[in-house]
C-alpha atoms as a PDB file:
ATOM      1  CA  MET A   1     -15.452 -13.844  -6.770  1.00  0.00           C
ATOM      2  CA  LYS A   2     -14.680 -13.760 -10.637  1.00  0.00           C
ATOM      3  CA  ASN A   3     -14.457 -10.455 -12.384  1.00  0.00           C
ATOM      4  CA  TRP A   4     -17.646 -10.976 -14.173  1.00  0.00           C
ATOM      5  CA  GLN A   5     -19.627 -11.516 -10.806  1.00  0.00           C
ATOM      6  CA  CYS A   6     -18.425  -8.228  -9.566  1.00  0.00           C
ATOM      7  CA  TRP A   7     -19.295  -6.517 -12.950  1.00  0.00           C
ATOM      8  CA  GLY A   8     -22.691  -8.074 -12.495  1.00  0.00           C
ATOM      9  CA  LEU A   9     -23.072  -6.960  -9.103  1.00  0.00           C
ATOM     10  CA  LEU A  10     -22.193  -3.484 -10.294  1.00  0.00           C
ATOM     11  CA  LEU A  11     -24.880  -3.507 -12.967  1.00  0.00           C
ATOM     12  CA  GLY A  12     -27.949  -5.339 -10.990  1.00  0.00           C
ATOM     13  CA  LEU A  13     -26.943  -3.691  -7.453  1.00  0.00           C
ATOM     14  CA  GLY A  14     -25.700  -0.319  -8.726  1.00  0.00           C
ATOM     15  CA  PRO A  15     -28.292   2.049  -6.939  1.00  0.00           C
ATOM     16  CA  LEU A  16     -28.057  -0.196  -3.658  1.00  0.00           C
ATOM     17  CA  LEU A  17     -24.152  -0.038  -4.011  1.00  0.00           C
ATOM     18  CA  TRP A  18     -24.229   3.788  -4.304  1.00  0.00           C
ATOM     19  CA  LEU A  19     -26.490   4.136  -1.345  1.00  0.00           C
ATOM     20  CA  GLN A  20     -24.295   2.220   0.866  1.00  0.00           C
ATOM     21  CA  GLY A  21     -21.236   4.119  -0.135  1.00  0.00           C
ATOM     22  CA  ARG A  22     -22.811   7.311   0.886  1.00  0.00           C
ATOM     23  CA  TRP A  23     -23.948   5.745   4.105  1.00  0.00           C
ATOM     24  CA  VAL A  24     -20.305   4.514   4.708  1.00  0.00           C
ATOM     25  CA  ARG A  25     -18.655   7.966   3.936  1.00  0.00           C
ATOM     26  CA  ARG A  26     -21.280   9.658   6.446  1.00  0.00           C
ATOM     27  CA  VAL A  27     -21.075   7.125   9.386  1.00  0.00           C
ATOM     28  CA  THR A  28     -17.132   5.946   9.291  1.00  0.00           C
ATOM     29  CA  PRO A  29     -15.090   7.785  11.615  1.00  0.00           C
ATOM     30  CA  ARG A  30     -12.459   9.751  10.274  1.00  0.00           C
ATOM     31  CA  LEU A  31      -9.386   9.059  12.036  1.00  0.00           C
ATOM     32  CA  PRO A  32      -6.189  11.643  11.743  1.00  0.00           C
ATOM     33  CA  GLU A  33      -2.961  10.779  10.387  1.00  0.00           C
ATOM     34  CA  PRO A  34      -0.560  10.213  13.479  1.00  0.00           C
ATOM     35  CA  PRO A  35       2.119  12.539  14.529  1.00  0.00           C
ATOM     36  CA  GLY A  36       5.657  11.844  14.459  1.00  0.00           C
ATOM     37  CA  PRO A  37       8.772  12.015  12.141  1.00  0.00           C
ATOM     38  CA  ARG A  38       8.542  11.622   8.518  1.00  0.00           C
ATOM     39  CA  ALA A  39      12.020  11.684   7.656  1.00  0.00           C
ATOM     40  CA  GLY A  40      15.194  10.556   9.581  1.00  0.00           C
ATOM     41  CA  GLU A  41      18.166   8.217   9.691  1.00  0.00           C
ATOM     42  CA  ALA A  42      18.592   5.171  11.991  1.00  0.00           C
ATOM     43  CA  GLY A  43      20.673   2.078  12.181  1.00  0.00           C
ATOM     44  CA  ALA A  44      24.486   1.234  11.149  1.00  0.00           C
ATOM     45  CA  GLY A  45      25.970  -0.351   8.553  1.00  0.00           C
ATOM     46  CA  PRO A  46      25.605  -0.052   4.563  1.00  0.00           C
ATOM     47  CA  LEU A  47      23.474   2.961   3.632  1.00  0.00           C
ATOM     48  CA  LEU A  48      19.865   2.167   2.354  1.00  0.00           C
ATOM     49  CA  ARG A  49      17.876   5.180   1.246  1.00  0.00           C
ATOM     50  CA  LEU A  50      14.104   4.379   1.454  1.00  0.00           C
ATOM     51  CA  LEU A  51      11.083   6.268   0.224  1.00  0.00           C
ATOM     52  CA  ILE A  52       7.532   5.622   1.583  1.00  0.00           C
ATOM     53  CA  ALA A  53       4.766   6.856  -0.366  1.00  0.00           C
ATOM     54  CA  GLY A  54       1.109   6.465  -0.571  1.00  0.00           C
ATOM     55  CA  ASP A  55      -2.195   6.838   0.789  1.00  0.00           C
ATOM     56  CA  SER A  56      -3.778   7.111   4.345  1.00  0.00           C
ATOM     57  CA  ALA A  57      -2.382   3.585   5.375  1.00  0.00           C
ATOM     58  CA  GLY A  58       1.142   4.771   3.944  1.00  0.00           C
ATOM     59  CA  ALA A  59       0.461   8.087   6.379  1.00  0.00           C
ATOM     60  CA  GLY A  60      -0.472   5.572   9.353  1.00  0.00           C
ATOM     61  CA  VAL A  61      -4.022   6.085   9.740  1.00  0.00           C
ATOM     62  CA  GLY A  62      -5.132   3.840  12.419  1.00  0.00           C
ATOM     63  CA  ALA A  63      -2.164   4.101  14.429  1.00  0.00           C
ATOM     64  CA  ASP A  64      -1.180   6.399  17.333  1.00  0.00           C
ATOM     65  CA  SER A  65       2.227   7.509  16.389  1.00  0.00           C
ATOM     66  CA  GLN A  66       4.488   6.988  13.310  1.00  0.00           C
ATOM     67  CA  HIS A  67       6.421   4.775  15.435  1.00  0.00           C
ATOM     68  CA  ALA A  68       3.446   2.345  15.595  1.00  0.00           C
ATOM     69  CA  ALA A  69       2.682   2.961  12.010  1.00  0.00           C
ATOM     70  CA  LEU A  70       4.002   1.530   8.653  1.00  0.00           C
ATOM     71  CA  SER A  71       6.960   3.868   8.473  1.00  0.00           C
ATOM     72  CA  GLY A  72       8.079   3.253  12.141  1.00  0.00           C
ATOM     73  CA  GLN A  73       7.794  -0.453  11.891  1.00  0.00           C
ATOM     74  CA  LEU A  74       9.578  -1.097   8.600  1.00  0.00           C
ATOM     75  CA  VAL A  75      12.595   1.420   9.459  1.00  0.00           C
ATOM     76  CA  GLN A  76      12.908  -0.122  12.751  1.00  0.00           C
ATOM     77  CA  ALA A  77      13.166  -3.525  11.079  1.00  0.00           C
ATOM     78  CA  LEU A  78      15.667  -2.254   8.569  1.00  0.00           C
ATOM     79  CA  ALA A  79      17.654  -0.407  10.915  1.00  0.00           C
ATOM     80  CA  ALA A  80      18.780  -3.749  12.708  1.00  0.00           C
ATOM     81  CA  HIS A  81      20.683  -4.554   9.606  1.00  0.00           C
ATOM     82  CA  CYS A  82      21.705  -1.282   7.923  1.00  0.00           C
ATOM     83  CA  THR A  83      21.666   2.394   7.955  1.00  0.00           C
ATOM     84  CA  VAL A  84      18.402   3.595   6.627  1.00  0.00           C
ATOM     85  CA  ARG A  85      18.125   7.177   5.457  1.00  0.00           C
ATOM     86  CA  TRP A  86      14.205   7.573   5.023  1.00  0.00           C
ATOM     87  CA  GLN A  87      11.388   9.619   3.992  1.00  0.00           C
ATOM     88  CA  LEU A  88       7.635   9.174   4.110  1.00  0.00           C
ATOM     89  CA  HIS A  89       5.578  11.150   1.696  1.00  0.00           C
ATOM     90  CA  ALA A  90       1.834  10.054   1.947  1.00  0.00           C
ATOM     91  CA  VAL A  91      -1.465  11.701   2.256  1.00  0.00           C
ATOM     92  CA  THR A  92      -4.949  10.609   3.211  1.00  0.00           C
ATOM     93  CA  GLY A  93      -7.118  10.178   0.080  1.00  0.00           C
ATOM     94  CA  LEU A  94      -4.523   9.807  -2.643  1.00  0.00           C
ATOM     95  CA  ASP A  95      -5.395   7.582  -5.256  1.00  0.00           C
ATOM     96  CA  SER A  96      -2.719   6.581  -8.115  1.00  0.00           C
ATOM     97  CA  LEU A  97      -3.231   9.732 -10.057  1.00  0.00           C
ATOM     98  CA  GLY A  98      -2.818  11.897  -6.837  1.00  0.00           C
ATOM     99  CA  LEU A  99       0.270  10.045  -6.002  1.00  0.00           C
ATOM    100  CA  GLN A 100       2.067  10.562  -9.206  1.00  0.00           C
ATOM    101  CA  ALA A 101       1.066  14.314  -9.033  1.00  0.00           C
ATOM    102  CA  LEU A 102       2.687  14.257  -5.275  1.00  0.00           C
ATOM    103  CA  LEU A 103       5.887  12.806  -6.617  1.00  0.00           C
ATOM    104  CA  HIS A 104       6.053  15.258  -9.327  1.00  0.00           C
ATOM    105  CA  GLN A 105       6.077  18.046  -6.623  1.00  0.00           C
ATOM    106  CA  LEU A 106       8.823  16.479  -4.590  1.00  0.00           C
ATOM    107  CA  PRO A 107      12.467  17.779  -5.297  1.00  0.00           C
ATOM    108  CA  ALA A 108      14.446  15.472  -7.446  1.00  0.00           C
ATOM    109  CA  GLN A 109      16.923  13.565  -5.345  1.00  0.00           C
ATOM    110  CA  PRO A 110      18.182   9.545  -5.110  1.00  0.00           C
ATOM    111  CA  PHE A 111      16.359   6.846  -3.249  1.00  0.00           C
ATOM    112  CA  ASP A 112      17.321   2.984  -3.511  1.00  0.00           C
ATOM    113  CA  VAL A 113      14.056   1.631  -2.681  1.00  0.00           C
ATOM    114  CA  ALA A 114      10.441   2.970  -2.964  1.00  0.00           C
ATOM    115  CA  VAL A 115       7.406   1.402  -1.140  1.00  0.00           C
ATOM    116  CA  LEU A 116       4.110   2.384  -2.365  1.00  0.00           C
ATOM    117  CA  SER A 117       0.723   1.898  -0.610  1.00  0.00           C
ATOM    118  CA  VAL A 118      -1.807   2.818  -2.814  1.00  0.00           C
ATOM    119  CA  GLY A 119      -5.195   1.231  -4.223  1.00  0.00           C
ATOM    120  CA  VAL A 120      -8.106   1.599  -1.970  1.00  0.00           C
ATOM    121  CA  ASN A 121      -8.971   4.862  -3.352  1.00  0.00           C
ATOM    122  CA  ASP A 122      -8.719   3.473  -6.800  1.00  0.00           C
ATOM    123  CA  VAL A 123     -10.866   0.565  -5.870  1.00  0.00           C
ATOM    124  CA  THR A 124     -13.541   2.937  -4.075  1.00  0.00           C
ATOM    125  CA  ALA A 125     -13.250   5.206  -7.425  1.00  0.00           C
ATOM    126  CA  LEU A 126     -14.178   2.116  -9.358  1.00  0.00           C
ATOM    127  CA  VAL A 127     -10.860   2.594 -11.557  1.00  0.00           C
ATOM    128  CA  PRO A 128     -10.736  -0.299 -14.018  1.00  0.00           C
ATOM    129  CA  PRO A 129      -8.104  -3.057 -13.050  1.00  0.00           C
ATOM    130  CA  ASP A 130      -6.349  -2.476 -16.404  1.00  0.00           C
ATOM    131  CA  THR A 131      -6.286   1.316 -15.977  1.00  0.00           C
ATOM    132  CA  TRP A 132      -4.903   0.793 -12.379  1.00  0.00           C
ATOM    133  CA  LEU A 133      -1.947  -1.438 -13.817  1.00  0.00           C
ATOM    134  CA  GLN A 134      -1.119   1.061 -16.267  1.00  0.00           C
ATOM    135  CA  ARG A 135      -0.948   3.724 -13.332  1.00  0.00           C
ATOM    136  CA  GLN A 136       1.292   1.431 -11.342  1.00  0.00           C
ATOM    137  CA  ALA A 137       3.705   1.289 -14.260  1.00  0.00           C
ATOM    138  CA  ALA A 138       3.745   4.867 -14.725  1.00  0.00           C
ATOM    139  CA  LEU A 139       4.568   5.244 -11.015  1.00  0.00           C
ATOM    140  CA  ALA A 140       7.257   2.903 -11.371  1.00  0.00           C
ATOM    141  CA  GLN A 141       8.636   4.593 -14.319  1.00  0.00           C
ATOM    142  CA  LEU A 142       8.502   8.068 -12.325  1.00  0.00           C
ATOM    143  CA  LEU A 143      10.242   6.871  -9.526  1.00  0.00           C
ATOM    144  CA  ALA A 144      13.172   5.373 -11.689  1.00  0.00           C
ATOM    145  CA  GLU A 145      13.445   8.477 -13.755  1.00  0.00           C
ATOM    146  CA  ARG A 146      13.149  11.296 -11.237  1.00  0.00           C
ATOM    147  CA  PHE A 147      14.233   9.556  -7.933  1.00  0.00           C
ATOM    148  CA  ALA A 148      16.744   6.952  -9.420  1.00  0.00           C
ATOM    149  CA  VAL A 149      14.855   4.280  -7.703  1.00  0.00           C
ATOM    150  CA  ARG A 150      16.179   0.575  -8.406  1.00  0.00           C
ATOM    151  CA  THR A 151      13.471  -1.184  -6.664  1.00  0.00           C
ATOM    152  CA  VAL A 152       9.865  -0.286  -6.447  1.00  0.00           C
ATOM    153  CA  VAL A 153       7.828  -2.588  -3.893  1.00  0.00           C
ATOM    154  CA  HIS A 154       4.373  -2.545  -4.627  1.00  0.00           C
ATOM    155  CA  SER A 155       2.106  -3.120  -1.714  1.00  0.00           C
ATOM    156  CA  ALA A 156      -0.776  -5.524  -2.661  1.00  0.00           C
ATOM    157  CA  VAL A 157      -4.344  -3.599  -2.148  1.00  0.00           C
ATOM    158  CA  PRO A 158      -5.434  -4.876   1.082  1.00  0.00           C
ATOM    159  CA  PRO A 159      -8.429  -7.458   1.685  1.00  0.00           C
ATOM    160  CA  MET A 160     -11.168  -5.086   1.284  1.00  0.00           C
ATOM    161  CA  HIS A 161     -13.382  -7.842   1.516  1.00  0.00           C
ATOM    162  CA  HIS A 162     -12.517  -8.108   5.328  1.00  0.00           C
ATOM    163  CA  PHE A 163     -13.353  -4.569   5.841  1.00  0.00           C
ATOM    164  CA  SER A 164     -16.078  -4.507   8.405  1.00  0.00           C
ATOM    165  CA  ALA A 165     -16.978  -0.729   7.997  1.00  0.00           C
ATOM    166  CA  LEU A 166     -18.308  -2.005   4.640  1.00  0.00           C
ATOM    167  CA  PRO A 167     -21.909  -3.492   4.455  1.00  0.00           C
ATOM    168  CA  GLN A 168     -22.739  -6.137   2.346  1.00  0.00           C
ATOM    169  CA  PRO A 169     -22.860  -6.640  -0.742  1.00  0.00           C
ATOM    170  CA  LEU A 170     -20.456  -3.483  -0.977  1.00  0.00           C
ATOM    171  CA  ARG A 171     -18.069  -5.144   0.674  1.00  0.00           C
ATOM    172  CA  ALA A 172     -17.983  -8.166  -1.371  1.00  0.00           C
ATOM    173  CA  CYS A 173     -17.928  -6.132  -4.925  1.00  0.00           C
ATOM    174  CA  LEU A 174     -14.916  -3.748  -3.605  1.00  0.00           C
ATOM    175  CA  GLY A 175     -13.041  -6.907  -1.989  1.00  0.00           C
ATOM    176  CA  ALA A 176     -13.271  -8.677  -5.367  1.00  0.00           C
ATOM    177  CA  TRP A 177     -12.038  -5.480  -7.396  1.00  0.00           C
ATOM    178  CA  ALA A 178      -9.241  -5.247  -4.900  1.00  0.00           C
ATOM    179  CA  GLN A 179      -8.256  -9.008  -5.431  1.00  0.00           C
ATOM    180  CA  ALA A 180      -8.755  -8.358  -9.360  1.00  0.00           C
ATOM    181  CA  MET A 181      -6.253  -5.505  -9.050  1.00  0.00           C
ATOM    182  CA  ASN A 182      -4.013  -7.594  -7.155  1.00  0.00           C
ATOM    183  CA  ARG A 183      -4.089 -10.613  -9.635  1.00  0.00           C
ATOM    184  CA  GLY A 184      -3.380  -8.343 -12.501  1.00  0.00           C
ATOM    185  CA  LEU A 185      -0.445  -6.791 -10.891  1.00  0.00           C
ATOM    186  CA  ALA A 186       1.260  -9.959  -9.982  1.00  0.00           C
ATOM    187  CA  HIS A 187       0.738 -11.183 -13.608  1.00  0.00           C
ATOM    188  CA  ALA A 188       2.300  -8.114 -14.975  1.00  0.00           C
ATOM    189  CA  LEU A 189       5.294  -8.168 -12.784  1.00  0.00           C
ATOM    190  CA  GLN A 190       5.992 -11.843 -13.853  1.00  0.00           C
ATOM    191  CA  GLU A 191       6.203 -10.867 -17.314  1.00  0.00           C
ATOM    192  CA  LEU A 192       8.582  -7.820 -16.797  1.00  0.00           C
ATOM    193  CA  PRO A 193      12.035  -8.725 -18.660  1.00  0.00           C
ATOM    194  CA  ALA A 194      14.766  -9.539 -16.497  1.00  0.00           C
ATOM    195  CA  ASP A 195      16.822  -6.297 -17.649  1.00  0.00           C
ATOM    196  CA  ALA A 196      14.097  -3.979 -16.844  1.00  0.00           C
ATOM    197  CA  PRO A 197      15.185  -0.589 -15.724  1.00  0.00           C
ATOM    198  CA  VAL A 198      13.783  -0.852 -12.379  1.00  0.00           C
ATOM    199  CA  LYS A 199      13.081  -3.945 -10.199  1.00  0.00           C
ATOM    200  CA  ARG A 200       9.418  -4.265  -9.331  1.00  0.00           C
ATOM    201  CA  LEU A 201       8.227  -6.411  -6.400  1.00  0.00           C
ATOM    202  CA  LEU A 202       4.708  -7.041  -4.984  1.00  0.00           C
ATOM    203  CA  HIS A 203       4.568  -7.374  -1.152  1.00  0.00           C
ATOM    204  CA  LEU A 204       1.490  -9.586  -0.183  1.00  0.00           C
ATOM    205  CA  LEU A 205       0.757  -9.468   3.422  1.00  0.00           C
ATOM    206  CA  ASP A 206       2.078 -12.371   5.107  1.00  0.00           C
ATOM    207  CA  THR A 207       0.380 -13.313   8.774  1.00  0.00           C
ATOM    208  CA  GLY A 208       1.672 -16.812   9.047  1.00  0.00           C
ATOM    209  CA  SER A 209       0.023 -19.839   9.892  1.00  0.00           C
ATOM    210  CA  GLU A 210      -2.666 -17.872  11.548  1.00  0.00           C
ATOM    211  CA  PRO A 211      -4.240 -14.761   9.730  1.00  0.00           C
ATOM    212  CA  LEU A 212      -5.184 -11.964  11.759  1.00  0.00           C
ATOM    213  CA  SER A 213      -8.638 -11.650  12.509  1.00  0.00           C
ATOM    214  CA  PRO A 214     -10.682  -8.054  11.245  1.00  0.00           C
ATOM    215  CA  VAL A 215     -10.595  -7.260  15.274  1.00  0.00           C
ATOM    216  CA  GLN A 216      -6.654  -7.710  15.409  1.00  0.00           C
ATOM    217  CA  ALA A 217      -6.084  -6.221  11.656  1.00  0.00           C
ATOM    218  CA  LEU A 218      -8.499  -2.984  11.527  1.00  0.00           C
ATOM    219  CA  ALA A 219      -8.331   0.160  13.389  1.00  0.00           C
ATOM    220  CA  SER A 220     -11.441   1.412  15.413  1.00  0.00           C
ATOM    221  CA  ASP A 221     -13.014   2.773  12.182  1.00  0.00           C
ATOM    222  CA  ARG A 222     -12.944  -0.834  10.855  1.00  0.00           C
ATOM    223  CA  PHE A 223     -11.245   0.506   7.511  1.00  0.00           C
ATOM    224  CA  HIS A 224      -7.621   1.257   8.236  1.00  0.00           C
ATOM    225  CA  PRO A 225      -4.769  -1.161   9.551  1.00  0.00           C
ATOM    226  CA  GLY A 226      -4.373  -1.257  13.255  1.00  0.00           C
ATOM    227  CA  PRO A 227      -1.150  -1.273  15.195  1.00  0.00           C
ATOM    228  CA  THR A 228      -0.935  -4.983  14.797  1.00  0.00           C
ATOM    229  CA  ALA A 229      -1.282  -5.080  11.313  1.00  0.00           C
ATOM    230  CA  TYR A 230       1.150  -2.310  10.617  1.00  0.00           C
ATOM    231  CA  ALA A 231       3.681  -4.448  12.680  1.00  0.00           C
ATOM    232  CA  VAL A 232       3.205  -7.775  10.564  1.00  0.00           C
ATOM    233  CA  TRP A 233       3.078  -5.340   7.414  1.00  0.00           C
ATOM    234  CA  GLY A 234       6.437  -3.342   8.312  1.00  0.00           C
ATOM    235  CA  GLN A 235       8.353  -6.700   9.210  1.00  0.00           C
ATOM    236  CA  GLY A 236       7.350  -8.550   6.030  1.00  0.00           C
ATOM    237  CA  LEU A 237       8.338  -5.466   3.941  1.00  0.00           C
ATOM    238  CA  ALA A 238      11.502  -5.272   5.537  1.00  0.00           C
ATOM    239  CA  GLN A 239      12.500  -8.837   4.875  1.00  0.00           C
ATOM    240  CA  GLN A 240      11.544  -8.667   1.389  1.00  0.00           C
ATOM    241  CA  ILE A 241      13.712  -5.602   0.878  1.00  0.00           C
ATOM    242  CA  LEU A 242      16.612  -6.844   2.793  1.00  0.00           C
ATOM    243  CA  LEU A 243      16.603  -9.736   0.858  1.00  0.00           C
ATOM    244  CA  SER A 244      16.216  -8.015  -2.706  1.00  0.00           C
ATOM    245  CA  GLU A 245      18.927  -5.511  -1.617  1.00  0.00           C
ATOM    246  CA  GLY A 246      21.185  -8.373  -0.518  1.00  0.00           C
ATOM    247  CA  LEU A 247      21.476  -6.963   3.026  1.00  0.00           C
ATOM    248  CA  GLN A 248      20.316 -10.108   4.660  1.00  0.00           C
ATOM    249  CA  ALA A 249      20.819 -14.036   3.614  1.00  0.00           C
ATOM    250  CA  PRO A 250      17.723 -16.115   2.385  1.00  0.00           C
END
């Protein structure tokens, strides 16, 4: 769906989409953030200081434990190649502005790499894609200045057009909004100068030749990632980080 089609849906179907949004909030189960450690050290070899920050997906909603969630899967994959000293700071409901506020509250400390999971709540709030891009740039700048991060990995906004908890046409509209954000971010990162103070990467979920079905990918609420999706996400992020940081041969 093109951007103009998404805006057309909003203009033509605004009342219906608003009603559908209220219905989804009322009937969708509210899954908890899973238990488990949110900081630690694992592996052996060169030290990699890792920050994972973001929203409910970053916090692991949809998994039974942090081990099965994004942080656990990512740290486990990285620890096979290096010593990972990591922290997770993610809260259900955060959008990009909320994440900025959370990062400002953390003690200033150095990290090498930051992984961001944020965007779904910006989509549901209908934050314009251009505004969202500005907020991603602000997050990267904050991470570089406050935490000495040298590499920021932006996880792409997930494919909301596959979120079966969302009825049509709301699903198609929000999915198109998410895709517009991802296209804009990919273009913005390609335009960054080679000598930018912080390296910024976009991570797109790669499920190989056989994409995950919504049943495989989604948790019981049909909105958040399930354990299989977290495993694929964590493995893909680890490979991208290792290559970027020179810890694994291409």
